[in-house]
Amino acid sequence: EDHDYDEAAFNAASISHQVKLGVAAESQRLQQQSVTAQQVQAQQAAAQAFDVQVAACTAKNADYQEKVAQLPQFNPDTLGAIMESEQGADLAYELSNRLDLADEIANASPMVAAMKLVELIAEMKQKPQIKTSAAPSPIEPITSGGGISKNVGEMSMEELYNS
């Protein structure tokens, strides 16, 4: 009806429509490939940065590899958050020292796990506070005023009283 019952016009319009759909599908596929390639590149860059952090943390802590191997398996999103963190390797080492917290994070939803990781990072950034005692300052010992310079037998009563 749209083509005045002209079969050739209908066929041409149908072919044109199918070509447009094919071009749109191909364009969408190429965009997805581009996004996927960008994501892969970002993941590779994050992995390389994390490897640098691991090398630095291993230099500081000889037991790094053994301790981190004890960590539970994390959700991929949580693991990605750890790896993308500026202190990712130090964060992993801290979690290996606190396996109860690591288990809690591993079993939490990605959002809750991310919040707990942020809390842990903030805790790690705080400088350790120097513990001071509540005890009072030590007393100063009492000293004598000085020695007697005269023989006691030669002193007057006033000199004996003042010395």
N, C-alpha and C. Protein backbone atom coordinates (compact mmCIF):
# COMPACT_ATOMS: atom_id res chain seq x y z
N GLU A 1 0.81 -1.17 0.00
CA GLU A 1 0.00 0.00 0.00
C GLU A 1 0.87 1.26 0.00
N ASP A 2 1.97 1.25 0.76
CA ASP A 2 2.85 2.40 0.82
C ASP A 2 3.55 2.67 -0.52
N HIS A 3 3.61 1.65 -1.37
CA HIS A 3 4.32 1.79 -2.65
C HIS A 3 3.35 1.69 -3.84
N ASP A 4 2.10 2.02 -3.62
CA ASP A 4 1.07 1.98 -4.66
C ASP A 4 1.01 0.63 -5.34
N TYR A 5 1.19 -0.41 -4.57
CA TYR A 5 1.12 -1.78 -5.06
C TYR A 5 2.14 -2.06 -6.15
N ASP A 6 3.24 -1.30 -6.14
CA ASP A 6 4.32 -1.51 -7.10
C ASP A 6 5.30 -2.49 -6.45
N GLU A 7 5.35 -3.70 -7.00
CA GLU A 7 6.18 -4.75 -6.42
C GLU A 7 7.66 -4.40 -6.48
N ALA A 8 8.13 -3.78 -7.51
CA ALA A 8 9.54 -3.42 -7.66
C ALA A 8 9.92 -2.36 -6.61
N ALA A 9 9.05 -1.38 -6.39
CA ALA A 9 9.32 -0.34 -5.39
C ALA A 9 9.33 -0.96 -3.99
N PHE A 10 8.40 -1.89 -3.75
CA PHE A 10 8.35 -2.56 -2.46
C PHE A 10 9.62 -3.36 -2.22
N ASN A 11 10.05 -4.12 -3.22
CA ASN A 11 11.28 -4.93 -3.09
C ASN A 11 12.49 -4.04 -2.86
N ALA A 12 12.58 -2.92 -3.56
CA ALA A 12 13.71 -2.00 -3.40
C ALA A 12 13.71 -1.42 -1.98
N ALA A 13 12.54 -1.05 -1.48
CA ALA A 13 12.45 -0.49 -0.13
C ALA A 13 12.79 -1.55 0.90
N SER A 14 12.35 -2.78 0.67
CA SER A 14 12.64 -3.89 1.59
C SER A 14 14.14 -4.17 1.64
N ILE A 15 14.77 -4.21 0.51
CA ILE A 15 16.22 -4.45 0.44
C ILE A 15 16.96 -3.29 1.12
N SER A 16 16.54 -2.08 0.87
CA SER A 16 17.16 -0.91 1.49
C SER A 16 17.04 -0.98 3.01
N HIS A 17 15.88 -1.38 3.49
CA HIS A 17 15.67 -1.49 4.93
C HIS A 17 16.57 -2.58 5.53
N GLN A 18 16.68 -3.72 4.86
CA GLN A 18 17.52 -4.81 5.36
C GLN A 18 19.00 -4.40 5.36
N VAL A 19 19.43 -3.65 4.36
CA VAL A 19 20.81 -3.17 4.30
C VAL A 19 21.07 -2.22 5.47
N LYS A 20 20.11 -1.32 5.74
CA LYS A 20 20.27 -0.38 6.86
C LYS A 20 20.38 -1.14 8.18
N LEU A 21 19.55 -2.17 8.35
CA LEU A 21 19.62 -2.98 9.58
C LEU A 21 20.98 -3.67 9.69
N GLY A 22 21.47 -4.20 8.58
CA GLY A 22 22.78 -4.87 8.58
C GLY A 22 23.90 -3.90 8.90
N VAL A 23 23.86 -2.70 8.33
CA VAL A 23 24.89 -1.69 8.61
C VAL A 23 24.83 -1.27 10.07
N ALA A 24 23.63 -1.10 10.61
CA ALA A 24 23.49 -0.71 12.01
C ALA A 24 24.02 -1.82 12.94
N ALA A 25 23.72 -3.07 12.61
CA ALA A 25 24.20 -4.19 13.42
C ALA A 25 25.73 -4.27 13.36
N GLU A 26 26.30 -4.08 12.19
CA GLU A 26 27.76 -4.12 12.04
C GLU A 26 28.41 -2.96 12.80
N SER A 27 27.79 -1.80 12.73
CA SER A 27 28.30 -0.64 13.45
C SER A 27 28.28 -0.89 14.96
N GLN A 28 27.20 -1.47 15.44
CA GLN A 28 27.09 -1.78 16.87
C GLN A 28 28.14 -2.82 17.27
N ARG A 29 28.36 -3.82 16.43
CA ARG A 29 29.37 -4.85 16.73
C ARG A 29 30.76 -4.23 16.80
N LEU A 30 31.07 -3.31 15.89
CA LEU A 30 32.38 -2.64 15.90
C LEU A 30 32.55 -1.78 17.15
N GLN A 31 31.46 -1.11 17.57
CA GLN A 31 31.53 -0.30 18.78
C GLN A 31 31.78 -1.18 20.01
N GLN A 32 31.12 -2.33 20.05
CA GLN A 32 31.32 -3.25 21.16
C GLN A 32 32.77 -3.76 21.18
N GLN A 33 33.30 -4.06 20.01
CA GLN A 33 34.70 -4.51 19.94
C GLN A 33 35.64 -3.42 20.43
N SER A 34 35.36 -2.18 20.06
CA SER A 34 36.18 -1.05 20.47
C SER A 34 36.14 -0.88 21.99
N VAL A 35 34.93 -0.97 22.56
CA VAL A 35 34.78 -0.84 24.01
C VAL A 35 35.49 -2.00 24.70
N THR A 36 35.33 -3.18 24.16
CA THR A 36 35.99 -4.35 24.75
C THR A 36 37.51 -4.20 24.68
N ALA A 37 38.02 -3.72 23.58
CA ALA A 37 39.46 -3.52 23.44
C ALA A 37 39.96 -2.48 24.45
N GLN A 38 39.18 -1.42 24.65
CA GLN A 38 39.56 -0.39 25.63
C GLN A 38 39.54 -0.97 27.04
N GLN A 39 38.55 -1.80 27.34
CA GLN A 39 38.48 -2.41 28.66
C GLN A 39 39.67 -3.35 28.88
N VAL A 40 40.03 -4.11 27.87
CA VAL A 40 41.18 -5.01 27.98
C VAL A 40 42.46 -4.21 28.21
N GLN A 41 42.62 -3.11 27.49
CA GLN A 41 43.81 -2.28 27.68
C GLN A 41 43.84 -1.68 29.08
N ALA A 42 42.69 -1.24 29.59
CA ALA A 42 42.63 -0.68 30.94
C ALA A 42 42.96 -1.76 31.98
N GLN A 43 42.46 -2.97 31.78
CA GLN A 43 42.75 -4.06 32.70
C GLN A 43 44.24 -4.42 32.67
N GLN A 44 44.83 -4.41 31.49
CA GLN A 44 46.25 -4.71 31.38
C GLN A 44 47.09 -3.62 32.06
N ALA A 45 46.71 -2.37 31.90
CA ALA A 45 47.43 -1.28 32.55
C ALA A 45 47.32 -1.39 34.07
N ALA A 46 46.11 -1.72 34.56
CA ALA A 46 45.92 -1.89 36.00
C ALA A 46 46.74 -3.07 36.52
N ALA A 47 46.80 -4.15 35.75
CA ALA A 47 47.58 -5.31 36.16
C ALA A 47 49.07 -4.98 36.21
N GLN A 48 49.55 -4.21 35.24
CA GLN A 48 50.96 -3.82 35.25
C GLN A 48 51.27 -2.91 36.44
N ALA A 49 50.39 -1.97 36.73
CA ALA A 49 50.59 -1.09 37.89
C ALA A 49 50.57 -1.90 39.18
N PHE A 50 49.69 -2.88 39.26
CA PHE A 50 49.62 -3.73 40.44
C PHE A 50 50.89 -4.55 40.59
N ASP A 51 51.43 -5.04 39.47
CA ASP A 51 52.69 -5.81 39.51
C ASP A 51 53.83 -4.96 40.07
N VAL A 52 53.86 -3.69 39.72
CA VAL A 52 54.88 -2.78 40.26
C VAL A 52 54.70 -2.64 41.77
N GLN A 53 53.44 -2.49 42.20
CA GLN A 53 53.15 -2.39 43.63
C GLN A 53 53.56 -3.66 44.37
N VAL A 54 53.29 -4.81 43.76
CA VAL A 54 53.64 -6.09 44.38
C VAL A 54 55.15 -6.19 44.54
N ALA A 55 55.90 -5.77 43.53
CA ALA A 55 57.36 -5.83 43.62
C ALA A 55 57.86 -4.95 44.76
N ALA A 56 57.30 -3.76 44.89
CA ALA A 56 57.71 -2.85 45.98
C ALA A 56 57.32 -3.43 47.34
N CYS A 57 56.14 -4.00 47.44
CA CYS A 57 55.68 -4.56 48.72
C CYS A 57 56.48 -5.82 49.07
N THR A 58 56.85 -6.60 48.09
CA THR A 58 57.66 -7.79 48.33
C THR A 58 59.04 -7.40 48.82
N ALA A 59 59.57 -6.28 48.33
CA ALA A 59 60.87 -5.80 48.79
C ALA A 59 60.80 -5.40 50.27
N LYS A 60 59.66 -4.84 50.70
CA LYS A 60 59.50 -4.44 52.10
C LYS A 60 59.18 -5.63 53.00
N ASN A 61 58.43 -6.59 52.46
CA ASN A 61 57.95 -7.73 53.26
C ASN A 61 58.34 -9.03 52.55
N ALA A 62 59.33 -9.70 53.10
CA ALA A 62 59.83 -10.92 52.46
C ALA A 62 58.77 -12.02 52.40
N ASP A 63 57.82 -12.03 53.33
CA ASP A 63 56.80 -13.06 53.38
C ASP A 63 55.53 -12.71 52.59
N TYR A 64 55.62 -11.71 51.74
CA TYR A 64 54.45 -11.21 51.01
C TYR A 64 53.74 -12.32 50.23
N GLN A 65 54.47 -13.03 49.42
CA GLN A 65 53.86 -14.04 48.53
C GLN A 65 53.16 -15.15 49.33
N GLU A 66 53.81 -15.62 50.41
CA GLU A 66 53.21 -16.69 51.21
C GLU A 66 51.95 -16.22 51.91
N LYS A 67 51.98 -15.01 52.43
CA LYS A 67 50.82 -14.50 53.16
C LYS A 67 49.65 -14.22 52.23
N VAL A 68 49.92 -13.62 51.08
CA VAL A 68 48.84 -13.28 50.15
C VAL A 68 48.22 -14.54 49.56
N ALA A 69 48.99 -15.61 49.48
CA ALA A 69 48.46 -16.87 48.97
C ALA A 69 47.38 -17.45 49.90
N GLN A 70 47.35 -17.02 51.15
CA GLN A 70 46.37 -17.51 52.12
C GLN A 70 45.02 -16.79 52.01
N LEU A 71 44.96 -15.72 51.23
CA LEU A 71 43.72 -14.95 51.13
C LEU A 71 42.62 -15.78 50.47
N PRO A 72 41.37 -15.56 50.87
CA PRO A 72 40.26 -16.26 50.22
C PRO A 72 40.04 -15.71 48.81
N GLN A 73 39.25 -16.41 48.03
CA GLN A 73 38.95 -15.95 46.68
C GLN A 73 37.90 -14.86 46.75
N PHE A 74 38.21 -13.71 46.13
CA PHE A 74 37.32 -12.56 46.16
C PHE A 74 36.45 -12.54 44.92
N ASN A 75 35.33 -11.85 45.02
CA ASN A 75 34.46 -11.56 43.88
C ASN A 75 35.30 -10.80 42.85
N PRO A 76 35.11 -11.03 41.55
CA PRO A 76 35.91 -10.32 40.54
C PRO A 76 35.86 -8.79 40.67
N ASP A 77 34.70 -8.25 41.04
CA ASP A 77 34.60 -6.79 41.22
C ASP A 77 35.44 -6.33 42.41
N THR A 78 35.41 -7.09 43.49
CA THR A 78 36.19 -6.75 44.68
C THR A 78 37.68 -6.87 44.38
N LEU A 79 38.04 -7.92 43.67
CA LEU A 79 39.45 -8.11 43.29
C LEU A 79 39.91 -6.97 42.39
N GLY A 80 39.05 -6.54 41.48
CA GLY A 80 39.38 -5.41 40.61
C GLY A 80 39.56 -4.13 41.42
N ALA A 81 38.74 -3.93 42.44
CA ALA A 81 38.88 -2.74 43.29
C ALA A 81 40.20 -2.76 44.04
N ILE A 82 40.61 -3.92 44.51
CA ILE A 82 41.90 -4.04 45.21
C ILE A 82 43.04 -3.74 44.25
N MET A 83 42.98 -4.33 43.07
CA MET A 83 44.07 -4.15 42.10
C MET A 83 44.15 -2.72 41.59
N GLU A 84 43.02 -2.02 41.48
CA GLU A 84 43.02 -0.66 40.96
C GLU A 84 43.33 0.38 42.03
N SER A 85 43.38 -0.04 43.28
CA SER A 85 43.69 0.88 44.37
C SER A 85 45.16 1.31 44.28
N GLU A 86 45.43 2.53 44.76
CA GLU A 86 46.81 3.03 44.75
C GLU A 86 47.68 2.23 45.70
N GLN A 87 47.09 1.64 46.71
CA GLN A 87 47.83 0.83 47.67
C GLN A 87 47.38 -0.63 47.58
N GLY A 88 47.09 -1.11 46.40
CA GLY A 88 46.54 -2.45 46.22
C GLY A 88 47.37 -3.55 46.84
N ALA A 89 48.67 -3.54 46.61
CA ALA A 89 49.53 -4.60 47.14
C ALA A 89 49.61 -4.51 48.66
N ASP A 90 49.72 -3.29 49.19
CA ASP A 90 49.75 -3.11 50.64
C ASP A 90 48.41 -3.52 51.25
N LEU A 91 47.34 -3.24 50.54
CA LEU A 91 46.00 -3.62 50.99
C LEU A 91 45.87 -5.14 51.06
N ALA A 92 46.38 -5.82 50.04
CA ALA A 92 46.34 -7.28 50.03
C ALA A 92 47.16 -7.84 51.19
N TYR A 93 48.32 -7.24 51.45
CA TYR A 93 49.17 -7.70 52.55
C TYR A 93 48.47 -7.47 53.89
N GLU A 94 47.84 -6.32 54.05
CA GLU A 94 47.11 -6.04 55.29
C GLU A 94 45.97 -7.04 55.47
N LEU A 95 45.26 -7.36 54.39
CA LEU A 95 44.18 -8.35 54.47
C LEU A 95 44.73 -9.73 54.83
N SER A 96 45.94 -10.05 54.35
CA SER A 96 46.53 -11.35 54.68
C SER A 96 46.90 -11.42 56.16
N ASN A 97 47.11 -10.28 56.80
CA ASN A 97 47.38 -10.24 58.24
C ASN A 97 46.08 -10.26 59.05
N ARG A 98 44.96 -9.99 58.39
CA ARG A 98 43.66 -9.96 59.05
C ARG A 98 42.69 -10.84 58.26
N LEU A 99 42.89 -12.14 58.34
CA LEU A 99 42.12 -13.08 57.53
C LEU A 99 40.63 -13.07 57.88
N ASP A 100 40.28 -12.71 59.11
CA ASP A 100 38.86 -12.63 59.46
C ASP A 100 38.17 -11.54 58.66
N LEU A 101 38.83 -10.39 58.51
CA LEU A 101 38.28 -9.30 57.71
C LEU A 101 38.28 -9.68 56.23
N ALA A 102 39.33 -10.39 55.80
CA ALA A 102 39.40 -10.82 54.40
C ALA A 102 38.24 -11.76 54.07
N ASP A 103 37.91 -12.68 54.98
CA ASP A 103 36.76 -13.58 54.76
C ASP A 103 35.46 -12.80 54.71
N GLU A 104 35.34 -11.82 55.57
CA GLU A 104 34.13 -10.99 55.60
C GLU A 104 33.97 -10.24 54.28
N ILE A 105 35.07 -9.70 53.76
CA ILE A 105 35.02 -8.96 52.49
C ILE A 105 34.74 -9.92 51.33
N ALA A 106 35.34 -11.10 51.37
CA ALA A 106 35.15 -12.07 50.28
C ALA A 106 33.69 -12.53 50.20
N ASN A 107 33.01 -12.59 51.33
CA ASN A 107 31.62 -13.08 51.34
C ASN A 107 30.60 -11.96 51.22
N ALA A 108 31.05 -10.71 51.19
CA ALA A 108 30.13 -9.57 51.10
C ALA A 108 29.81 -9.26 49.64
N SER A 109 28.73 -8.50 49.46
CA SER A 109 28.39 -8.03 48.12
C SER A 109 29.48 -7.05 47.67
N PRO A 110 29.64 -6.85 46.37
CA PRO A 110 30.69 -5.94 45.90
C PRO A 110 30.61 -4.54 46.50
N MET A 111 29.41 -4.01 46.72
CA MET A 111 29.26 -2.67 47.28
C MET A 111 29.73 -2.64 48.73
N VAL A 112 29.30 -3.60 49.52
CA VAL A 112 29.70 -3.67 50.93
C VAL A 112 31.20 -3.92 51.03
N ALA A 113 31.71 -4.79 50.17
CA ALA A 113 33.15 -5.08 50.17
C ALA A 113 33.94 -3.81 49.85
N ALA A 114 33.47 -3.03 48.89
CA ALA A 114 34.17 -1.79 48.53
C ALA A 114 34.17 -0.82 49.71
N MET A 115 33.07 -0.73 50.44
CA MET A 115 33.02 0.17 51.59
C MET A 115 34.00 -0.29 52.67
N LYS A 116 34.08 -1.59 52.89
CA LYS A 116 35.01 -2.12 53.89
C LYS A 116 36.46 -1.89 53.46
N LEU A 117 36.72 -1.99 52.17
CA LEU A 117 38.07 -1.73 51.67
C LEU A 117 38.45 -0.27 51.86
N VAL A 118 37.50 0.63 51.63
CA VAL A 118 37.76 2.06 51.84
C VAL A 118 38.06 2.33 53.31
N GLU A 119 37.31 1.69 54.20
CA GLU A 119 37.57 1.86 55.63
C GLU A 119 38.96 1.36 55.99
N LEU A 120 39.35 0.22 55.43
CA LEU A 120 40.66 -0.35 55.71
C LEU A 120 41.77 0.55 55.17
N ILE A 121 41.58 1.12 53.99
CA ILE A 121 42.58 2.03 53.42
C ILE A 121 42.73 3.25 54.31
N ALA A 122 41.61 3.80 54.78
CA ALA A 122 41.66 4.96 55.67
C ALA A 122 42.39 4.61 56.97
N GLU A 123 42.14 3.42 57.48
CA GLU A 123 42.82 2.97 58.69
C GLU A 123 44.32 2.81 58.45
N MET A 124 44.68 2.32 57.28
CA MET A 124 46.10 2.14 56.96
C MET A 124 46.82 3.48 56.81
N LYS A 125 46.10 4.50 56.33
CA LYS A 125 46.71 5.81 56.12
C LYS A 125 46.95 6.56 57.42
N GLN A 126 46.21 6.23 58.47
CA GLN A 126 46.39 6.91 59.74
C GLN A 126 47.76 6.55 60.30
N LYS A 127 48.43 7.56 60.80
CA LYS A 127 49.73 7.32 61.40
C LYS A 127 49.50 6.66 62.75
N PRO A 128 50.36 5.70 63.10
CA PRO A 128 50.18 5.06 64.40
C PRO A 128 50.37 6.07 65.53
N GLN A 129 49.48 6.06 66.47
CA GLN A 129 49.56 7.02 67.56
C GLN A 129 50.55 6.50 68.60
N ILE A 130 51.34 7.43 69.12
CA ILE A 130 52.30 7.07 70.15
C ILE A 130 51.53 6.92 71.44
N LYS A 131 51.69 5.78 72.05
CA LYS A 131 50.97 5.52 73.28
C LYS A 131 51.72 6.18 74.43
N THR A 132 51.00 6.97 75.19
CA THR A 132 51.60 7.62 76.34
C THR A 132 50.98 7.04 77.59
N SER A 133 51.75 7.06 78.65
CA SER A 133 51.29 6.50 79.91
C SER A 133 50.44 7.52 80.65
N ALA A 134 49.52 7.03 81.44
CA ALA A 134 48.70 7.90 82.27
C ALA A 134 49.39 8.18 83.60
N ALA A 135 50.56 7.57 83.80
CA ALA A 135 51.30 7.77 85.05
C ALA A 135 51.83 9.19 85.12
N PRO A 136 51.92 9.74 86.33
CA PRO A 136 52.45 11.10 86.46
C PRO A 136 53.94 11.13 86.15
N SER A 137 54.44 12.33 85.92
CA SER A 137 55.87 12.49 85.65
C SER A 137 56.67 12.06 86.88
N PRO A 138 57.89 11.58 86.69
CA PRO A 138 58.69 11.15 87.84
C PRO A 138 59.02 12.34 88.75
N ILE A 139 59.16 12.06 90.02
CA ILE A 139 59.47 13.12 90.98
C ILE A 139 60.94 13.49 90.90
N GLU A 140 61.23 14.71 91.33
CA GLU A 140 62.63 15.12 91.38
C GLU A 140 63.16 14.79 92.77
N PRO A 141 64.28 14.11 92.84
CA PRO A 141 64.80 13.73 94.16
C PRO A 141 65.21 14.96 94.97
N ILE A 142 65.06 14.86 96.28
CA ILE A 142 65.46 15.94 97.18
C ILE A 142 66.96 15.86 97.38
N THR A 143 67.61 17.01 97.29
CA THR A 143 69.06 17.06 97.49
C THR A 143 69.36 17.92 98.71
N SER A 144 70.48 17.68 99.27
CA SER A 144 70.88 18.50 100.42
C SER A 144 71.31 19.87 99.93
N GLY A 145 71.22 20.84 100.77
CA GLY A 145 71.56 22.20 100.41
C GLY A 145 73.06 22.40 100.19
N GLY A 146 73.83 21.56 100.65
CA GLY A 146 75.28 21.69 100.50
C GLY A 146 75.98 21.12 101.72
N GLY A 147 77.25 21.12 101.72
CA GLY A 147 78.02 20.54 102.82
C GLY A 147 78.40 21.62 103.84
N ILE A 148 78.83 21.18 104.96
CA ILE A 148 79.28 22.09 106.01
C ILE A 148 80.74 22.41 105.73
N SER A 149 81.05 23.71 105.74
CA SER A 149 82.41 24.12 105.42
C SER A 149 83.28 24.32 106.66
N LYS A 150 82.68 24.52 107.81
CA LYS A 150 83.42 24.72 109.05
C LYS A 150 83.32 23.49 109.93
N ASN A 151 84.18 23.42 110.84
CA ASN A 151 84.11 22.38 111.84
C ASN A 151 82.93 22.68 112.74
N VAL A 152 82.18 21.71 113.11
CA VAL A 152 80.96 21.89 113.88
C VAL A 152 81.28 22.51 115.24
N GLY A 153 82.39 22.20 115.78
CA GLY A 153 82.77 22.73 117.08
C GLY A 153 83.05 24.21 117.04
N GLU A 154 83.42 24.75 115.92
CA GLU A 154 83.76 26.17 115.79
C GLU A 154 82.56 27.02 115.39
N MET A 155 81.42 26.44 115.11
CA MET A 155 80.25 27.18 114.64
C MET A 155 79.44 27.73 115.81
N SER A 156 78.81 28.88 115.55
CA SER A 156 77.93 29.45 116.55
C SER A 156 76.57 28.77 116.44
N MET A 157 75.67 29.05 117.39
CA MET A 157 74.36 28.41 117.39
C MET A 157 73.57 28.83 116.15
N GLU A 158 73.68 30.06 115.74
CA GLU A 158 72.97 30.56 114.57
C GLU A 158 73.47 29.87 113.31
N GLU A 159 74.79 29.66 113.18
CA GLU A 159 75.36 28.98 112.01
C GLU A 159 74.93 27.51 111.98
N LEU A 160 74.84 26.88 113.11
CA LEU A 160 74.39 25.48 113.16
C LEU A 160 72.92 25.38 112.77
N TYR A 161 72.12 26.34 113.18
CA TYR A 161 70.71 26.32 112.89
C TYR A 161 70.46 26.54 111.39
N ASN A 162 71.20 27.42 110.72
CA ASN A 162 71.02 27.74 109.30
C ASN A 162 71.64 26.71 108.36
N SER A 163 72.50 25.89 108.84
CA SER A 163 73.14 24.97 107.90
C SER A 163 72.43 23.69 107.72
